[in-house]
Protein backbone atom coordinates (compact mmCIF):
# COMPACT_ATOMS: atom_id res chain seq x y z
CA MET A 1 117.80 33.06 4.56
CA GLY A 2 121.07 32.14 3.85
CA LYS A 3 121.68 35.27 2.28
CA GLN A 4 120.76 36.90 6.13
CA LEU A 5 124.07 36.83 7.65
CA ALA A 6 126.78 39.70 6.52
CA ILE A 7 129.36 36.67 6.70
CA HIS A 8 127.23 35.40 3.80
CA GLY A 9 126.71 38.86 2.53
CA GLY A 10 124.30 40.28 3.59
CA SER A 11 123.55 43.55 5.22
CA PRO A 12 126.39 44.12 8.64
CA ILE A 13 124.28 45.60 11.57
CA ARG A 14 126.95 47.63 12.03
CA THR A 15 129.58 49.65 9.50
CA GLU A 16 130.60 52.68 12.23
CA ALA A 17 133.73 52.03 14.47
CA PHE A 18 133.89 51.96 17.63
CA PRO A 19 135.74 54.23 19.94
CA ALA A 20 139.33 54.56 19.67
CA TRP A 21 141.03 53.68 22.38
CA PRO A 22 143.37 55.11 24.18
CA VAL A 23 141.36 58.67 23.95
CA TYR A 24 144.07 61.89 23.72
CA GLY A 25 144.49 65.05 23.23
CA LYS A 26 145.51 68.41 24.00
CA PRO A 27 146.39 68.26 27.58
CA GLU A 28 148.80 64.89 26.63
CA GLU A 29 150.56 66.79 24.36
CA GLU A 30 150.57 69.80 26.37
CA ALA A 31 152.12 67.52 29.74
CA LEU A 32 154.80 65.77 27.35
CA LEU A 33 156.45 69.07 26.24
CA ARG A 34 156.49 69.85 29.40
CA VAL A 35 157.92 67.71 31.20
CA LEU A 36 160.86 67.14 27.61
CA HIS A 37 161.52 71.22 27.82
CA SER A 38 161.61 70.80 31.35
CA GLY A 39 165.24 67.93 31.48
CA LYS A 40 163.14 66.15 34.53
CA TRP A 41 162.53 63.15 32.50
CA GLY A 42 163.34 60.37 35.77
CA ARG A 43 161.24 59.42 38.34
CA ILE A 44 163.92 61.42 40.75
CA ASP A 45 163.82 64.54 39.17
CA GLY A 46 160.65 65.43 38.79
CA GLU A 47 157.25 65.19 40.50
CA GLU A 48 155.13 64.42 38.06
CA VAL A 49 154.77 60.27 39.09
CA ALA A 50 154.72 61.59 42.94
CA THR A 51 151.68 63.64 42.15
CA PHE A 52 150.27 60.54 40.21
CA GLU A 53 150.89 58.26 42.85
CA ARG A 54 149.46 60.35 45.38
CA ARG A 55 146.08 61.24 44.16
CA PHE A 56 145.47 57.03 42.52
CA ALA A 57 146.45 56.10 45.93
CA GLU A 58 143.67 59.14 47.58
CA TYR A 59 141.18 58.15 44.28
CA HIS A 60 141.43 54.25 45.54
CA GLU A 61 141.11 55.02 49.58
CA ALA A 62 144.57 53.93 49.98
CA ARG A 63 147.35 55.46 51.58
CA PHE A 64 150.30 55.04 49.93
CA GLY A 65 150.77 54.31 46.49
CA VAL A 66 154.38 53.43 44.19
CA ALA A 67 154.40 53.53 40.88
CA VAL A 68 156.19 50.59 38.64
CA VAL A 69 157.41 50.06 35.15
CA ASN A 70 153.98 47.39 34.42
CA GLY A 71 151.84 45.46 36.47
CA THR A 72 154.27 42.33 36.75
CA VAL A 73 156.48 44.27 38.58
CA SER A 74 154.00 45.57 40.84
CA LEU A 75 152.66 42.19 41.50
CA ARG A 76 156.75 40.83 42.07
CA LEU A 77 157.43 43.31 44.51
CA ALA A 78 154.74 43.04 46.50
CA LEU A 79 155.00 39.27 46.85
CA PHE A 80 158.05 40.73 47.80
CA ALA A 81 157.57 43.33 50.48
CA ALA A 82 154.93 40.63 52.21
CA GLY A 83 157.76 38.20 52.81
CA ILE A 84 157.20 35.68 50.54
CA GLN A 85 159.80 32.94 49.55
CA ALA A 86 160.83 29.27 49.16
CA GLY A 87 158.29 27.39 50.38
CA ASP A 88 154.95 29.37 50.67
CA GLU A 89 152.18 28.85 48.65
CA VAL A 90 150.20 32.02 47.33
CA ILE A 91 146.81 30.79 46.06
CA VAL A 92 145.47 32.40 42.82
CA PRO A 93 142.79 32.08 39.84
CA PRO A 94 143.52 30.17 36.71
CA PHE A 95 142.15 32.16 34.65
CA THR A 96 144.09 35.69 34.29
CA PHE A 97 146.64 37.17 32.67
CA MET A 98 149.69 35.00 33.31
CA ALA A 99 151.31 37.55 35.52
CA THR A 100 149.04 36.46 38.36
CA ALA A 101 151.20 33.17 38.26
CA SER A 102 154.24 34.07 37.17
CA ALA A 103 155.08 37.01 39.50
CA VAL A 104 154.52 33.65 42.60
CA ILE A 105 157.63 31.90 40.48
CA GLU A 106 159.95 34.69 40.31
CA ALA A 107 158.63 35.37 44.35
CA ASN A 108 160.24 31.26 44.29
CA ALA A 109 157.74 30.08 45.68
CA THR A 110 154.34 28.15 44.80
CA PRO A 111 150.83 29.39 42.76
CA VAL A 112 147.82 27.08 43.82
CA PHE A 113 145.61 26.53 41.41
CA VAL A 114 141.53 27.11 42.29
CA ASP A 115 138.59 27.66 40.24
CA ILE A 116 136.65 29.91 39.75
CA GLU A 117 132.66 30.61 39.91
CA PRO A 118 130.83 29.97 36.47
CA ASP A 119 128.92 32.84 36.67
CA THR A 120 131.30 35.76 37.79
CA TYR A 121 134.90 33.39 36.85
CA ASN A 122 136.00 35.76 39.84
CA ILE A 123 138.27 32.73 42.29
CA ASP A 124 135.75 30.86 44.24
CA VAL A 125 136.46 31.64 47.71
CA ALA A 126 135.08 27.68 48.48
CA MET A 127 137.42 26.43 46.87
CA ILE A 128 140.13 28.33 48.28
CA ARG A 129 138.83 27.37 51.31
CA LYS A 130 139.80 23.93 50.14
CA ALA A 131 143.73 25.00 49.08
CA ILE A 132 144.72 26.57 51.98
CA THR A 133 147.83 24.64 53.32
CA ARG A 134 150.40 24.78 55.99
CA ARG A 135 152.22 26.41 53.61
CA THR A 136 149.31 29.18 52.37
CA ARG A 137 150.75 32.76 52.74
CA ALA A 138 149.08 35.00 50.35
CA ILE A 139 145.94 34.57 48.04
CA ILE A 140 145.88 36.61 45.09
CA PRO A 141 142.01 37.31 43.88
CA VAL A 142 142.00 38.87 40.24
CA HIS A 143 138.99 41.38 40.12
CA MET A 144 137.87 39.52 36.43
CA ALA A 145 137.39 42.00 34.23
CA GLY A 146 136.51 45.08 36.37
CA LEU A 147 134.01 42.85 38.86
CA PRO A 148 135.52 42.75 42.39
CA ALA A 149 135.71 39.69 43.72
CA ASP A 150 134.12 38.27 47.16
CA MET A 151 136.49 40.09 49.45
CA ASP A 152 134.60 40.11 52.61
CA ALA A 153 134.37 36.47 52.44
CA ILE A 154 138.20 36.27 51.13
CA MET A 155 139.41 38.79 53.92
CA ALA A 156 137.78 36.55 56.68
CA LEU A 157 139.73 33.84 55.18
CA ALA A 158 142.98 35.44 55.14
CA ARG A 159 142.72 36.61 58.78
CA GLU A 160 141.70 33.34 60.19
CA HIS A 161 144.97 31.83 58.53
CA ASP A 162 146.86 34.78 59.21
CA LEU A 163 147.32 35.04 55.03
CA VAL A 164 148.32 38.15 53.03
CA VAL A 165 146.14 39.95 50.43
CA ILE A 166 147.42 41.17 46.84
CA GLU A 167 144.33 42.01 45.34
CA ASP A 168 145.16 42.00 41.38
CA ALA A 169 143.38 44.67 40.11
CA ALA A 170 144.20 45.50 36.46
CA HIS A 171 141.42 45.65 35.35
CA ALA A 172 139.33 47.45 37.90
CA HIS A 173 140.59 50.87 37.85
CA GLY A 174 137.83 52.95 39.81
CA ALA A 175 135.83 49.87 40.36
CA ALA A 176 133.83 49.86 43.67
CA TYR A 177 132.67 46.74 46.42
CA ARG A 178 130.60 47.40 49.14
CA GLY A 179 130.88 51.03 48.77
CA ARG A 180 134.50 51.17 48.99
CA ARG A 181 137.40 51.37 45.58
CA VAL A 182 139.11 48.19 45.23
CA GLY A 183 142.77 48.74 46.19
CA SER A 184 141.25 49.60 49.50
CA LEU A 185 140.22 45.88 50.23
CA GLY A 186 143.40 43.84 51.33
CA HIS A 187 146.44 44.27 52.33
CA MET A 188 147.96 45.78 48.77
CA ALA A 189 146.98 46.25 45.43
CA SER A 190 148.75 45.86 42.08
CA PHE A 191 147.30 47.87 39.22
CA SER A 192 148.48 47.49 35.20
CA PHE A 193 148.71 50.90 33.38
CA GLN A 194 149.27 48.92 30.58
CA SER A 195 148.33 50.10 26.45
CA SER A 196 144.68 48.16 26.71
CA LYS A 197 143.80 49.15 30.37
CA ASN A 198 141.09 51.68 31.58
CA LEU A 199 143.81 53.84 32.83
CA CYS A 200 147.01 53.98 30.51
CA SER A 201 150.59 55.00 29.65
CA GLY A 202 151.63 52.92 27.19
CA GLU A 203 153.33 50.40 30.13
CA GLY A 204 153.21 51.12 33.46
CA GLY A 205 152.18 49.55 37.26
CA ILE A 206 151.02 51.07 40.62
CA ILE A 207 151.29 49.10 44.23
CA ILE A 208 148.88 50.99 46.52
CA THR A 209 148.31 49.76 50.08
CA SER A 210 147.46 51.84 53.21
CA ASP A 211 150.23 49.79 55.47
CA GLU A 212 153.36 51.62 55.80
CA ARG A 213 155.37 49.01 56.21
CA LEU A 214 154.34 46.97 53.81
CA TYR A 215 154.92 50.61 51.13
CA GLU A 216 158.74 51.38 52.30
CA ALA A 217 159.03 47.64 51.77
CA CYS A 218 157.66 48.61 47.86
CA ARG A 219 159.04 51.86 48.13
CA SER A 220 162.69 50.32 48.77
CA ALA A 221 162.52 47.83 45.97
CA HIS A 222 161.85 49.61 43.75
CA ASN A 223 164.65 52.41 43.81
CA CYS A 224 167.56 49.87 44.25
CA GLY A 225 167.10 49.04 47.91
CA ARG A 226 167.25 52.51 48.73
CA ILE A 227 165.62 54.03 52.35
CA PRO A 228 164.50 57.82 52.49
CA GLY A 229 166.85 59.61 54.18
CA GLY A 230 170.18 57.46 52.88
CA ALA A 231 172.55 58.06 50.44
CA TRP A 232 172.11 57.31 47.21
CA TYR A 233 175.29 54.86 46.63
CA GLU A 234 173.97 53.47 49.98
CA HIS A 235 171.68 50.33 49.90
CA HIS A 236 170.01 48.74 52.78
CA ASN A 237 167.43 45.91 50.77
CA LEU A 238 167.51 44.22 47.68
CA GLY A 239 165.63 45.46 44.79
CA GLY A 240 166.16 47.59 41.46
CA ASN A 241 165.55 50.41 39.44
CA TYR A 242 161.93 49.74 38.44
CA ARG A 243 160.93 53.59 38.73
CA LEU A 244 158.32 54.88 36.15
CA SER A 245 159.36 57.62 34.21
CA GLU A 246 158.15 61.34 34.08
CA PHE A 247 156.82 61.29 30.78
CA GLN A 248 154.62 58.06 31.75
CA GLY A 249 153.42 59.86 34.79
CA ALA A 250 152.71 63.31 33.14
CA LEU A 251 150.28 60.80 30.82
CA LEU A 252 149.01 59.15 33.78
CA ASN A 253 148.04 62.67 35.64
CA CYS A 254 146.45 63.63 32.09
CA GLN A 255 144.40 60.19 31.43
CA PHE A 256 143.63 59.88 35.39
CA ASP A 257 141.64 63.17 34.85
CA ARG A 258 139.45 61.12 32.68
CA LEU A 259 138.88 58.12 34.71
CA GLU A 260 136.08 59.22 37.02
CA GLU A 261 133.70 59.96 33.91
CA GLN A 262 135.19 57.41 31.64
CA ALA A 263 134.49 54.87 34.12
CA GLN A 264 130.95 56.15 34.58
CA ARG A 265 130.01 55.97 31.31
CA ARG A 266 130.92 52.00 31.38
CA GLU A 267 128.88 51.33 34.11
CA GLU A 268 125.67 52.76 32.12
CA ASN A 269 126.50 51.63 28.88
CA GLY A 270 127.83 47.99 30.66
CA ARG A 271 124.82 47.41 32.82
CA TYR A 272 122.18 48.68 29.57
CA LEU A 273 123.80 45.94 27.47
CA ALA A 274 124.05 43.49 29.77
CA GLU A 275 120.05 43.84 30.07
CA ARG A 276 119.92 43.51 26.97
CA LEU A 277 121.72 40.42 26.55
CA ALA A 278 120.25 38.42 29.36
CA GLY A 279 117.14 38.25 26.50
CA VAL A 280 119.37 36.53 23.90
CA PRO A 281 119.11 33.22 24.38
CA GLY A 282 122.42 31.08 24.80
CA ILE A 283 124.09 34.26 25.88
CA THR A 284 125.10 35.00 29.58
CA PRO A 285 126.43 38.42 30.52
CA GLN A 286 128.97 38.14 33.50
CA ALA A 287 126.60 38.27 37.19
CA ARG A 288 126.62 41.19 39.34
CA GLY A 289 125.63 40.95 42.66
CA ARG A 290 128.51 39.86 45.15
CA GLY A 291 128.48 43.18 46.66
CA GLU A 292 130.29 45.17 43.92
CA THR A 293 128.96 48.69 43.77
CA ARG A 294 130.75 49.38 40.60
CA HIS A 295 131.91 47.28 37.59
CA GLY A 296 135.33 48.45 36.32
CA TYR A 297 134.55 46.76 32.56
CA HIS A 298 138.08 46.35 31.60
CA LEU A 299 136.21 43.74 29.63
CA PHE A 300 132.47 42.78 29.22
CA ILE A 301 131.85 39.17 29.54
CA PHE A 302 129.64 37.02 28.04
CA ARG A 303 129.45 33.69 28.67
CA TYR A 304 128.27 31.50 24.73
CA ASP A 305 126.51 28.15 25.13
CA PRO A 306 127.58 26.21 21.70
CA GLN A 307 124.38 23.75 22.20
CA VAL A 308 122.05 26.99 21.52
CA TYR A 309 123.59 27.73 18.51
CA GLY A 310 124.55 24.66 17.36
CA VAL A 311 128.54 26.08 16.08
CA SER A 312 132.12 26.25 18.26
CA ARG A 313 132.76 29.39 19.81
CA ALA A 314 135.21 30.59 16.94
CA VAL A 315 132.30 30.22 14.80
CA PHE A 316 130.09 32.58 16.49
CA LEU A 317 132.31 35.00 16.86
CA LYS A 318 133.41 34.83 13.16
CA ALA A 319 129.94 35.50 12.19
CA LEU A 320 129.64 38.26 15.46
CA ALA A 321 132.81 39.93 14.16
CA ALA A 322 130.92 40.00 10.28
CA GLU A 323 128.00 41.81 11.60
CA GLY A 324 130.43 44.47 12.42
CA ILE A 325 131.10 43.80 16.82
CA PRO A 326 134.67 42.75 17.34
CA ALA A 327 134.27 40.31 20.28
CA ALA A 328 138.07 37.91 21.66
CA PRO A 329 137.51 34.66 22.90
CA GLY A 330 139.20 35.13 26.49
CA TYR A 331 141.33 33.85 28.05
CA ALA A 332 141.79 30.78 25.54
CA ILE A 333 144.36 28.23 27.88
CA PRO A 334 143.95 28.70 31.29
CA LEU A 335 147.39 29.18 33.44
CA HIS A 336 147.26 25.49 34.54
CA ARG A 337 147.72 24.10 30.86
CA GLN A 338 150.38 26.88 29.61
CA VAL A 339 153.67 25.09 28.70
CA LEU A 340 155.50 27.27 31.41
CA PHE A 341 153.56 24.64 34.19
CA THR A 342 152.73 21.98 32.36
CA GLU A 343 157.07 21.73 31.79
CA ARG A 344 158.11 23.40 34.54
CA HIS A 345 159.59 26.15 32.49
CA PHE A 346 160.48 28.45 36.05
CA GLY A 347 164.31 29.24 34.96
CA PRO A 348 166.70 29.66 38.11
CA TYR A 349 163.50 30.10 40.74
CA THR A 350 163.34 26.52 41.98
CA GLY A 351 161.98 27.02 45.09
CA CYS A 352 158.67 25.92 43.75
CA LEU A 353 160.27 22.36 42.85
CA ASP A 354 162.82 22.21 45.57
CA THR A 355 159.78 22.24 48.12
CA HIS A 356 156.83 20.02 46.13
CA PRO A 357 159.65 17.99 43.71
CA GLN A 358 156.75 15.89 42.71
CA LEU A 359 154.66 19.23 41.48
CA ASP A 360 152.51 18.17 38.12
CA TYR A 361 151.00 20.94 36.58
CA ARG A 362 149.17 18.27 34.34
CA GLN A 363 147.15 16.44 36.57
CA VAL A 364 145.45 19.98 38.01
CA SER A 365 141.37 19.84 36.92
CA LEU A 366 140.09 23.29 37.27
CA PRO A 367 136.54 22.15 35.33
CA VAL A 368 134.92 25.40 35.58
CA CYS A 369 137.89 27.74 33.94
CA GLU A 370 138.46 25.00 31.29
CA ARG A 371 135.06 25.49 30.23
CA ALA A 372 135.36 29.24 29.69
CA SER A 373 138.72 28.99 28.46
CA ASP A 374 138.22 26.05 25.99
CA THR A 375 134.06 26.25 25.04
CA ALA A 376 132.14 29.21 26.35
CA GLY A 377 134.13 32.68 28.02
CA ALA A 378 134.72 35.69 25.67
CA TRP A 379 134.08 39.43 25.44
CA LEU A 380 134.10 42.95 24.19
CA TYR A 381 137.34 45.36 25.28
CA GLN A 382 136.32 48.10 27.18
CA SER A 383 136.16 50.84 24.41
CA LEU A 384 133.65 49.52 23.04
CA LEU A 385 131.54 50.50 26.04
CA LEU A 386 132.74 54.21 25.66
CA GLY A 387 129.86 55.04 22.53
CA SER A 388 126.97 55.74 23.06
CA ARG A 389 123.44 53.70 24.21
CA ARG A 390 122.68 53.46 19.82
CA ASP A 391 126.46 51.78 20.26
CA MET A 392 125.31 49.34 22.93
CA ASP A 393 121.91 48.95 20.77
CA ASP A 394 123.71 47.69 17.91
CA ILE A 395 125.71 45.48 19.65
CA ALA A 396 122.71 43.75 21.24
CA ALA A 397 121.08 43.51 17.52
CA ALA A 398 123.81 42.41 15.97
CA PHE A 399 123.33 38.66 19.13
CA GLU A 400 119.62 39.24 17.84
CA LYS A 401 120.52 38.68 14.53
CA LEU A 402 122.63 35.61 14.80
CA TYR A 403 120.74 34.33 17.29
CA THR A 404 117.40 34.22 14.51
CA HIS A 405 119.62 33.17 11.82
CA ARG A 406 121.18 30.38 13.80
CA SER A 407 120.64 27.90 11.82
CA GLU A 408 122.92 29.39 9.30
CA LEU A 409 126.16 29.51 11.56
CA ALA A 410 126.50 25.92 10.61
CA SER A 411 127.37 27.10 7.03
CA VAL A 412 130.30 29.45 8.64
CA ALA A 413 131.20 26.32 10.02
CA ALA A 414 131.81 24.62 6.82
CA ASP A 415 133.06 27.32 4.66
């Protein structure tokens, strides 16, 4: 039995590579050359970015889109457009990429961390209600891994307390909630096109909205404070040059042509794999059933129970990788434990400290997130879900093998 696991010299479940990411071909090559030869490389001169903004916003059932240099900037400008300022509080989850909360600091406001649901890893709406104060001005729900948050409940709270909702949809291109695409559910939404994302151009982001006032504010802020009809050296608002290049716009238009087919494939494979893994003790796929009609599956999240296997998550993932299945431990440090927040390294953005001088994120306790980060949370990357049904069977077989030979995993920990 000692030689059964690949990490002990046994044969791995899989030796073939999974689909590579990003997916590209002749259309991308031709589009980049077209922009190159046009000499119109910037957003101001060409049509690629403008075309993409229209297509992406329409696909996500919004009226307007403003493409920017990255997803962090899209969050920052959305907060700026919403009028967030010093003294304001913005509710965010702690199990997400840093930008969800650091953008709040850069808006000179205060991030208020609210714990996540144990089965979805999305923000817990009941906890949002408890966190609302007289200073609360906005909520940034993250569609974690591409699973839409409980937006009906969140929007009901927002209406009750007159709050702005900015969807962090960095993981959720093409995802849908109760038949509507994410990005059309809140007042604004932020998407990322960073290299790993389901729609990518290396770097990039976009804000989408159906509110014309918010759109104009974002558009001005991303274009040095200019306004439609104004002169080139006429700056009406605070802003900067956060425009996307035409090369990235060209890539995104080609990648967008691939998105719907890829989204359908991820959904089908994600559902199938979740059904397979639901039968493996100690492995619990991210729960569905909160209203999503399509999961974006930027990540395939699963919860790992170390008590079933007798070893840490790190040992389990090491053995899984030896079987040919790459996986990651997820966000291994919650945001409220990051040095940025525990040491309050906020640079010139002092609004948070001026209005909350006793603020100490070291005292924040968010047990569900902490358990996810410390021991339980893990995920597979989206490119694996672009494979075949046989690829999904290989993934499931590797999990099943580790459960069958779980008694041998203890010796992995000792190596």
